């Protein structure tokens, strides 16, 4: 899926590229969607960026072209659980 085909919506998890303020890429949750920008709640970031993130109160404005939607995959655990009834 190319960047132009992505449909951002509130609550989507995104991975954002580093920008002029951030040293490294980061993971966040979309709070608001505008025509070419996103307001992202920063959830996971490089420790060097902690002051920037705190100064912005964990919300950054990101260009859509610098964000990529992350899809969550459900993993099936084939190992038996100790808590399941095994007869």
Protein backbone atom coordinates (compact mmCIF):
# COMPACT_ATOMS: atom_id res chain seq x y z
CA UNK A 1 0.00 0.00 0.00
CA UNK A 2 1.48 3.34 -1.01
CA UNK A 3 1.36 6.43 1.18
CA UNK A 4 -1.33 7.98 -1.05
CA UNK A 5 -3.60 4.94 -0.58
CA UNK A 6 -3.47 5.00 3.22
CA UNK A 7 -6.62 6.10 4.99
CA UNK A 8 -5.77 7.64 8.32
CA UNK A 9 -8.47 7.77 10.95
CA UNK A 10 -8.68 8.63 14.63
CA UNK A 11 -7.24 5.82 16.74
CA UNK A 12 -4.99 4.35 14.02
CA UNK A 13 -1.50 3.33 15.11
CA UNK A 14 1.19 4.94 12.98
CA UNK A 15 4.96 4.81 12.69
CA UNK A 16 6.35 8.26 11.97
CA UNK A 17 9.70 9.09 10.44
CA UNK A 18 12.14 11.26 12.29
CA UNK A 19 11.75 14.97 11.57
CA UNK A 20 13.56 18.22 12.36
CA UNK A 21 12.67 17.89 16.07
CA UNK A 22 12.92 14.14 16.65
CA UNK A 23 16.18 12.15 16.46
CA UNK A 24 14.49 8.86 15.60
CA UNK A 25 11.25 7.45 14.26
CA UNK A 26 8.43 6.95 16.75
CA UNK A 27 5.09 5.20 17.17
CA UNK A 28 1.90 7.03 17.96
CA UNK A 29 -1.89 7.03 17.81
CA UNK A 30 -3.76 9.41 15.49
CA UNK A 31 -5.80 11.97 17.43
CA UNK A 32 -6.93 14.25 14.55
CA UNK A 33 -6.74 14.10 10.77
CA UNK A 34 -6.35 17.15 8.53
CA UNK A 35 -5.93 17.34 4.75
CA UNK A 36 -2.16 16.80 4.76
CA UNK A 37 -1.24 16.51 8.45
CA UNK A 38 -1.98 14.39 11.50
CA UNK A 39 -2.03 15.18 15.20
CA UNK A 40 -0.34 12.15 16.78
CA UNK A 41 -0.18 11.13 20.43
CA UNK A 42 3.39 9.89 20.87
CA UNK A 43 3.44 6.47 22.53
CA UNK A 44 6.89 5.01 21.89
CA UNK A 45 10.00 7.06 21.18
CA UNK A 46 13.80 7.07 21.43
CA UNK A 47 15.11 8.17 24.82
CA UNK A 48 16.99 11.08 23.21
CA UNK A 49 13.63 12.58 22.20
CA UNK A 50 12.08 12.59 25.66
CA UNK A 51 12.50 16.35 26.20
CA UNK A 52 10.93 17.19 22.85
CA UNK A 53 8.01 14.84 23.53
CA UNK A 54 7.49 16.23 27.04
CA UNK A 55 7.67 19.83 25.78
CA UNK A 56 4.89 19.04 23.28
CA UNK A 57 2.87 17.18 25.94
CA UNK A 58 3.11 13.91 23.98
CA UNK A 59 1.31 15.31 20.89
CA UNK A 60 3.08 16.16 17.63
CA UNK A 61 1.89 17.36 14.24
CA UNK A 62 3.17 15.09 11.49
CA UNK A 63 2.90 15.29 7.70
CA UNK A 64 0.86 12.39 6.31
CA UNK A 65 3.70 11.53 3.95
CA UNK A 66 5.93 10.93 7.01
CA UNK A 67 3.51 8.46 8.64
CA UNK A 68 2.73 4.84 7.91
CA UNK A 69 -0.23 2.91 9.31
CA UNK A 70 0.74 -0.03 11.51
CA UNK A 71 -1.49 -3.08 11.36
CA UNK A 72 -1.89 -5.27 14.41
CA UNK A 73 -1.76 -8.98 13.76
CA UNK A 74 -3.49 -11.49 15.98
CA UNK A 75 -1.10 -14.28 16.88
CA UNK A 76 -2.38 -17.70 17.77
CA UNK A 77 -0.61 -19.47 20.60
CA UNK A 78 -0.47 -23.22 19.94
CA UNK A 79 1.02 -24.10 23.31
CA UNK A 80 -1.44 -25.41 25.87
CA UNK A 81 -2.20 -23.13 28.75
CA UNK A 82 -1.82 -24.28 32.34
CA UNK A 83 -5.17 -22.69 33.04
CA UNK A 84 -7.09 -24.57 30.34
CA UNK A 85 -8.87 -27.74 31.28
CA UNK A 86 -6.75 -30.52 29.75
CA UNK A 87 -8.64 -33.82 29.81
